[in-house]
N, C-alpha and C. Protein backbone atom coordinates (compact mmCIF):
# COMPACT_ATOMS: atom_id res chain seq x y z
N MET A 1 -9.88 10.18 17.24
CA MET A 1 -10.69 10.02 16.04
C MET A 1 -11.98 10.85 16.13
N ALA A 2 -12.38 11.23 17.33
CA ALA A 2 -13.62 11.98 17.49
C ALA A 2 -13.52 13.38 16.90
N LEU A 3 -12.35 13.99 16.89
CA LEU A 3 -12.18 15.33 16.35
C LEU A 3 -11.98 15.34 14.84
N PHE A 4 -11.75 14.19 14.23
CA PHE A 4 -11.52 14.12 12.79
C PHE A 4 -12.66 14.75 11.98
N PRO A 5 -13.94 14.39 12.23
CA PRO A 5 -15.01 15.01 11.43
C PRO A 5 -15.10 16.52 11.59
N VAL A 6 -14.90 17.01 12.81
CA VAL A 6 -14.99 18.45 13.04
C VAL A 6 -13.82 19.18 12.39
N ALA A 7 -12.61 18.64 12.54
CA ALA A 7 -11.44 19.26 11.90
C ALA A 7 -11.59 19.25 10.39
N LEU A 8 -12.08 18.16 9.84
CA LEU A 8 -12.30 18.08 8.40
C LEU A 8 -13.36 19.08 7.97
N ALA A 9 -14.43 19.21 8.76
CA ALA A 9 -15.50 20.16 8.44
C ALA A 9 -14.97 21.59 8.42
N LEU A 10 -14.20 21.97 9.42
CA LEU A 10 -13.66 23.33 9.47
C LEU A 10 -12.70 23.59 8.32
N THR A 11 -11.85 22.63 8.02
CA THR A 11 -10.89 22.80 6.92
C THR A 11 -11.60 22.96 5.59
N LEU A 12 -12.54 22.07 5.30
CA LEU A 12 -13.24 22.13 4.03
C LEU A 12 -14.14 23.35 3.93
N ALA A 13 -14.71 23.79 5.04
CA ALA A 13 -15.54 25.00 5.02
C ALA A 13 -14.69 26.23 4.71
N MET A 14 -13.49 26.29 5.26
CA MET A 14 -12.61 27.43 4.95
C MET A 14 -12.20 27.42 3.48
N ILE A 15 -11.91 26.25 2.94
CA ILE A 15 -11.57 26.14 1.52
C ILE A 15 -12.74 26.61 0.67
N ASP A 16 -13.95 26.14 1.00
CA ASP A 16 -15.15 26.56 0.27
C ASP A 16 -15.36 28.07 0.36
N GLY A 17 -15.15 28.62 1.54
CA GLY A 17 -15.33 30.06 1.72
C GLY A 17 -14.38 30.88 0.88
N PHE A 18 -13.12 30.47 0.84
CA PHE A 18 -12.15 31.17 -0.01
C PHE A 18 -12.49 31.01 -1.49
N GLN A 19 -12.90 29.81 -1.89
CA GLN A 19 -13.23 29.60 -3.30
C GLN A 19 -14.45 30.40 -3.72
N ALA A 20 -15.44 30.52 -2.84
CA ALA A 20 -16.63 31.30 -3.18
C ALA A 20 -16.27 32.76 -3.42
N GLY A 21 -15.37 33.28 -2.64
CA GLY A 21 -14.96 34.68 -2.83
C GLY A 21 -14.11 34.87 -4.06
N PHE A 22 -13.25 33.89 -4.36
CA PHE A 22 -12.33 34.04 -5.48
C PHE A 22 -12.98 33.70 -6.81
N TRP A 23 -13.58 32.52 -6.91
CA TRP A 23 -14.13 32.06 -8.18
C TRP A 23 -15.48 32.67 -8.49
N ASP A 24 -16.35 32.77 -7.49
CA ASP A 24 -17.70 33.26 -7.74
C ASP A 24 -17.78 34.78 -7.70
N GLY A 25 -16.74 35.44 -7.24
CA GLY A 25 -16.77 36.89 -7.14
C GLY A 25 -17.77 37.36 -6.11
N ASP A 26 -17.99 36.55 -5.09
CA ASP A 26 -18.96 36.89 -4.04
C ASP A 26 -18.42 38.07 -3.23
N GLU A 27 -19.19 39.15 -3.16
CA GLU A 27 -18.74 40.38 -2.50
C GLU A 27 -18.99 40.39 -1.00
N ARG A 28 -19.75 39.41 -0.50
CA ARG A 28 -20.00 39.38 0.94
C ARG A 28 -18.72 39.03 1.69
N SER A 29 -18.71 39.33 2.96
CA SER A 29 -17.49 39.10 3.73
C SER A 29 -17.20 37.61 3.85
N PHE A 30 -15.92 37.31 4.05
CA PHE A 30 -15.50 35.92 4.21
C PHE A 30 -16.19 35.30 5.41
N LEU A 31 -16.33 36.05 6.50
CA LEU A 31 -16.95 35.51 7.70
C LEU A 31 -18.41 35.15 7.45
N TYR A 32 -19.13 35.99 6.70
CA TYR A 32 -20.52 35.67 6.38
C TYR A 32 -20.61 34.39 5.56
N ARG A 33 -19.78 34.29 4.52
CA ARG A 33 -19.80 33.09 3.68
C ARG A 33 -19.45 31.85 4.49
N LEU A 34 -18.49 32.00 5.39
CA LEU A 34 -18.06 30.86 6.20
C LEU A 34 -19.17 30.41 7.14
N VAL A 35 -19.78 31.35 7.86
CA VAL A 35 -20.76 31.00 8.89
C VAL A 35 -22.11 30.61 8.29
N MET A 36 -22.56 31.30 7.27
CA MET A 36 -23.92 31.07 6.76
C MET A 36 -24.00 30.10 5.59
N GLN A 37 -22.94 30.00 4.80
CA GLN A 37 -23.04 29.19 3.59
C GLN A 37 -22.21 27.92 3.62
N THR A 38 -20.97 28.02 4.01
CA THR A 38 -20.11 26.86 3.83
C THR A 38 -19.91 26.02 5.08
N LEU A 39 -19.94 26.61 6.25
CA LEU A 39 -19.71 25.84 7.47
C LEU A 39 -20.88 24.90 7.82
N PRO A 40 -22.14 25.32 7.72
CA PRO A 40 -23.23 24.42 8.10
C PRO A 40 -23.26 23.07 7.36
N PRO A 41 -23.07 23.03 6.04
CA PRO A 41 -23.06 21.71 5.40
C PRO A 41 -21.97 20.79 5.93
N TRP A 42 -20.80 21.34 6.18
CA TRP A 42 -19.71 20.50 6.67
C TRP A 42 -19.94 20.11 8.12
N LEU A 43 -20.52 20.98 8.92
CA LEU A 43 -20.83 20.59 10.30
C LEU A 43 -21.94 19.55 10.36
N ILE A 44 -22.89 19.65 9.46
CA ILE A 44 -23.92 18.61 9.38
C ILE A 44 -23.28 17.29 9.00
N ALA A 45 -22.35 17.31 8.08
CA ALA A 45 -21.63 16.08 7.72
C ALA A 45 -20.87 15.53 8.92
N ALA A 46 -20.25 16.41 9.69
CA ALA A 46 -19.52 15.96 10.87
C ALA A 46 -20.46 15.36 11.91
N MET A 47 -21.68 15.90 12.01
CA MET A 47 -22.63 15.39 12.99
C MET A 47 -23.16 14.01 12.61
N ILE A 48 -23.26 13.73 11.32
CA ILE A 48 -23.82 12.43 10.93
C ILE A 48 -22.75 11.39 10.59
N LEU A 49 -21.47 11.76 10.65
CA LEU A 49 -20.43 10.76 10.44
C LEU A 49 -20.46 9.62 11.45
N PRO A 50 -20.89 9.84 12.70
CA PRO A 50 -21.01 8.68 13.59
C PRO A 50 -21.96 7.60 13.07
N LEU A 51 -22.94 7.97 12.24
CA LEU A 51 -23.79 6.95 11.62
C LEU A 51 -22.96 6.05 10.72
N ALA A 52 -22.02 6.63 10.01
CA ALA A 52 -21.14 5.83 9.17
C ALA A 52 -20.26 4.93 10.03
N ARG A 53 -19.84 5.42 11.16
CA ARG A 53 -19.00 4.62 12.05
C ARG A 53 -19.76 3.39 12.56
N ILE A 54 -21.05 3.53 12.79
CA ILE A 54 -21.86 2.38 13.21
C ILE A 54 -21.84 1.31 12.13
N VAL A 55 -21.96 1.73 10.88
CA VAL A 55 -21.91 0.78 9.77
C VAL A 55 -20.54 0.10 9.72
N PHE A 56 -19.47 0.88 9.91
CA PHE A 56 -18.12 0.30 9.87
C PHE A 56 -17.91 -0.71 10.98
N GLU A 57 -18.51 -0.46 12.15
CA GLU A 57 -18.35 -1.40 13.26
C GLU A 57 -19.12 -2.69 13.02
N ARG A 58 -20.27 -2.59 12.38
CA ARG A 58 -21.08 -3.79 12.12
C ARG A 58 -20.57 -4.58 10.93
N VAL A 59 -20.12 -3.87 9.90
CA VAL A 59 -19.62 -4.52 8.69
C VAL A 59 -18.24 -3.95 8.40
N PRO A 60 -17.19 -4.64 8.81
CA PRO A 60 -15.84 -4.13 8.57
C PRO A 60 -15.57 -3.96 7.07
N LEU A 61 -14.81 -2.95 6.74
CA LEU A 61 -14.48 -2.68 5.35
C LEU A 61 -13.37 -3.63 4.90
N GLU A 62 -13.75 -4.59 4.07
CA GLU A 62 -12.81 -5.55 3.49
C GLU A 62 -13.11 -5.63 2.01
N LEU A 63 -12.16 -6.10 1.26
CA LEU A 63 -12.34 -6.21 -0.19
C LEU A 63 -13.01 -7.52 -0.55
N ARG A 64 -14.21 -7.70 -0.04
CA ARG A 64 -15.06 -8.83 -0.37
C ARG A 64 -16.34 -8.26 -0.96
N PRO A 65 -16.95 -8.96 -1.90
CA PRO A 65 -18.11 -8.37 -2.59
C PRO A 65 -19.24 -7.92 -1.65
N ARG A 66 -19.57 -8.73 -0.64
CA ARG A 66 -20.66 -8.36 0.26
C ARG A 66 -20.34 -7.08 1.03
N GLN A 67 -19.14 -6.99 1.59
CA GLN A 67 -18.77 -5.81 2.38
C GLN A 67 -18.70 -4.56 1.50
N VAL A 68 -18.15 -4.69 0.32
CA VAL A 68 -18.07 -3.54 -0.59
C VAL A 68 -19.47 -3.09 -1.00
N ALA A 69 -20.36 -4.06 -1.27
CA ALA A 69 -21.74 -3.71 -1.66
C ALA A 69 -22.46 -3.00 -0.52
N VAL A 70 -22.29 -3.51 0.71
CA VAL A 70 -22.93 -2.87 1.87
C VAL A 70 -22.45 -1.44 2.02
N HIS A 71 -21.15 -1.23 1.89
CA HIS A 71 -20.61 0.12 2.07
C HIS A 71 -20.94 1.03 0.89
N LEU A 72 -21.08 0.47 -0.29
CA LEU A 72 -21.49 1.29 -1.44
C LEU A 72 -22.91 1.81 -1.24
N VAL A 73 -23.81 0.92 -0.82
CA VAL A 73 -25.19 1.33 -0.55
C VAL A 73 -25.24 2.30 0.63
N ALA A 74 -24.47 1.99 1.68
CA ALA A 74 -24.45 2.87 2.86
C ALA A 74 -23.91 4.25 2.52
N SER A 75 -22.89 4.32 1.66
CA SER A 75 -22.33 5.63 1.30
C SER A 75 -23.33 6.46 0.52
N ILE A 76 -24.06 5.84 -0.37
CA ILE A 76 -25.08 6.58 -1.14
C ILE A 76 -26.23 7.01 -0.22
N GLY A 77 -26.65 6.11 0.67
CA GLY A 77 -27.71 6.46 1.63
C GLY A 77 -27.29 7.57 2.56
N TRP A 78 -26.03 7.50 3.03
CA TRP A 78 -25.50 8.53 3.92
C TRP A 78 -25.46 9.88 3.19
N ALA A 79 -25.02 9.86 1.95
CA ALA A 79 -24.94 11.09 1.16
C ALA A 79 -26.34 11.66 0.88
N LEU A 80 -27.31 10.80 0.62
CA LEU A 80 -28.68 11.29 0.40
C LEU A 80 -29.27 11.87 1.69
N PHE A 81 -29.00 11.24 2.83
CA PHE A 81 -29.46 11.77 4.11
C PHE A 81 -28.84 13.15 4.35
N HIS A 82 -27.57 13.28 4.07
CA HIS A 82 -26.89 14.57 4.20
C HIS A 82 -27.53 15.60 3.28
N THR A 83 -27.85 15.20 2.07
CA THR A 83 -28.46 16.11 1.11
C THR A 83 -29.84 16.58 1.59
N VAL A 84 -30.62 15.69 2.19
CA VAL A 84 -31.92 16.08 2.75
C VAL A 84 -31.73 17.10 3.87
N LEU A 85 -30.75 16.88 4.73
CA LEU A 85 -30.51 17.82 5.82
C LEU A 85 -30.03 19.17 5.30
N ILE A 86 -29.19 19.17 4.27
CA ILE A 86 -28.70 20.42 3.69
C ILE A 86 -29.85 21.18 3.02
N ALA A 87 -30.68 20.47 2.29
CA ALA A 87 -31.82 21.12 1.64
C ALA A 87 -32.76 21.71 2.69
N SER A 88 -32.95 21.01 3.79
CA SER A 88 -33.81 21.52 4.86
C SER A 88 -33.20 22.77 5.51
N TYR A 89 -31.88 22.74 5.74
CA TYR A 89 -31.21 23.93 6.29
C TYR A 89 -31.35 25.12 5.33
N ASN A 90 -31.11 24.89 4.06
CA ASN A 90 -31.21 25.98 3.08
C ASN A 90 -32.65 26.47 2.93
N TRP A 91 -33.62 25.58 3.11
CA TRP A 91 -35.02 25.99 3.04
C TRP A 91 -35.37 26.92 4.20
N LEU A 92 -34.79 26.66 5.37
CA LEU A 92 -35.00 27.57 6.50
C LEU A 92 -34.28 28.90 6.29
N ARG A 93 -33.16 28.84 5.60
CA ARG A 93 -32.35 30.04 5.37
C ARG A 93 -32.89 30.86 4.19
N ILE A 94 -33.43 30.19 3.17
CA ILE A 94 -33.94 30.85 1.96
C ILE A 94 -35.38 30.39 1.74
N PRO A 95 -36.36 30.94 2.46
CA PRO A 95 -37.74 30.43 2.37
C PRO A 95 -38.44 30.70 1.05
N ASP A 96 -37.87 31.57 0.21
CA ASP A 96 -38.51 31.87 -1.08
C ASP A 96 -38.40 30.70 -2.06
N TRP A 97 -37.41 29.84 -1.89
CA TRP A 97 -37.21 28.71 -2.79
C TRP A 97 -38.00 27.51 -2.29
N SER A 98 -38.42 26.67 -3.21
CA SER A 98 -39.11 25.45 -2.79
C SER A 98 -38.08 24.44 -2.27
N TRP A 99 -38.53 23.58 -1.37
CA TRP A 99 -37.63 22.58 -0.80
C TRP A 99 -37.12 21.63 -1.88
N VAL A 100 -37.98 21.29 -2.84
CA VAL A 100 -37.58 20.36 -3.90
C VAL A 100 -36.48 20.95 -4.76
N SER A 101 -36.57 22.22 -5.10
CA SER A 101 -35.51 22.83 -5.90
C SER A 101 -34.21 22.92 -5.11
N LEU A 102 -34.30 23.18 -3.80
CA LEU A 102 -33.10 23.19 -2.98
C LEU A 102 -32.51 21.79 -2.84
N PHE A 103 -33.36 20.78 -2.77
CA PHE A 103 -32.87 19.40 -2.73
C PHE A 103 -32.14 19.04 -4.02
N ARG A 104 -32.74 19.40 -5.16
CA ARG A 104 -32.08 19.12 -6.44
C ARG A 104 -30.74 19.83 -6.54
N ARG A 105 -30.72 21.07 -6.12
CA ARG A 105 -29.47 21.82 -6.17
C ARG A 105 -28.41 21.22 -5.24
N SER A 106 -28.83 20.85 -4.03
CA SER A 106 -27.91 20.21 -3.10
C SER A 106 -27.45 18.86 -3.61
N LEU A 107 -28.36 18.13 -4.25
CA LEU A 107 -28.02 16.83 -4.81
C LEU A 107 -26.94 16.98 -5.88
N PHE A 108 -27.10 17.98 -6.73
CA PHE A 108 -26.12 18.23 -7.80
C PHE A 108 -24.76 18.59 -7.22
N PHE A 109 -24.75 19.46 -6.22
CA PHE A 109 -23.48 19.98 -5.70
C PHE A 109 -22.82 19.06 -4.66
N ASN A 110 -23.59 18.27 -3.93
CA ASN A 110 -23.03 17.59 -2.76
C ASN A 110 -22.94 16.08 -2.84
N LEU A 111 -23.68 15.41 -3.69
CA LEU A 111 -23.78 13.96 -3.60
C LEU A 111 -22.43 13.27 -3.79
N ALA A 112 -21.73 13.59 -4.85
CA ALA A 112 -20.44 12.91 -5.10
C ALA A 112 -19.42 13.21 -4.01
N GLY A 113 -19.40 14.44 -3.54
CA GLY A 113 -18.47 14.79 -2.47
C GLY A 113 -18.77 14.08 -1.17
N MET A 114 -20.03 13.89 -0.86
CA MET A 114 -20.39 13.21 0.38
C MET A 114 -20.14 11.71 0.29
N VAL A 115 -20.33 11.12 -0.87
CA VAL A 115 -19.96 9.71 -1.06
C VAL A 115 -18.45 9.57 -0.87
N ALA A 116 -17.69 10.49 -1.44
CA ALA A 116 -16.23 10.45 -1.28
C ALA A 116 -15.83 10.65 0.18
N LEU A 117 -16.54 11.52 0.91
CA LEU A 117 -16.24 11.74 2.33
C LEU A 117 -16.50 10.48 3.14
N TYR A 118 -17.56 9.76 2.82
CA TYR A 118 -17.85 8.49 3.49
C TYR A 118 -16.67 7.52 3.32
N TRP A 119 -16.20 7.40 2.08
CA TRP A 119 -15.09 6.46 1.82
C TRP A 119 -13.78 6.97 2.43
N LEU A 120 -13.59 8.28 2.51
CA LEU A 120 -12.41 8.82 3.18
C LEU A 120 -12.45 8.47 4.66
N TYR A 121 -13.61 8.59 5.26
CA TYR A 121 -13.77 8.25 6.66
C TYR A 121 -13.60 6.74 6.86
N ALA A 122 -14.08 5.96 5.91
CA ALA A 122 -13.89 4.50 5.98
C ALA A 122 -12.40 4.17 5.97
N GLY A 123 -11.65 4.84 5.12
CA GLY A 123 -10.20 4.61 5.09
C GLY A 123 -9.53 5.03 6.37
N ALA A 124 -10.01 6.10 6.99
CA ALA A 124 -9.41 6.56 8.24
C ALA A 124 -9.70 5.58 9.39
N LEU A 125 -10.85 4.94 9.35
CA LEU A 125 -11.21 4.00 10.40
C LEU A 125 -10.64 2.60 10.18
N ALA A 126 -10.31 2.30 8.94
CA ALA A 126 -9.83 0.93 8.64
C ALA A 126 -8.45 0.67 9.20
């Protein structure tokens, strides 16, 4: 189970890299897009997934209102923490942009996907 987050990160980063080249018409090399743009967010997600595992160990995922509410709040908090880390990474990579604008952009692009990743990981651990 320890390799699940890393394998998922690499798979999703490759998908993102291919989509950026195909849909966005990005002319930079696939390797550049993979290493600089798409891999870091997924690796950051893989690094903080153990935080979600701590929540799963303390509050098992069951279909009871209290457990579902705890995991709903935890998934949103986990996704917001991920968004803060992504905005910080992008701020170091693109210093011309303000951190707040990068946070808003990351929030728009990543929040729903990271909440879904939390629940996917919950299903894998259940």
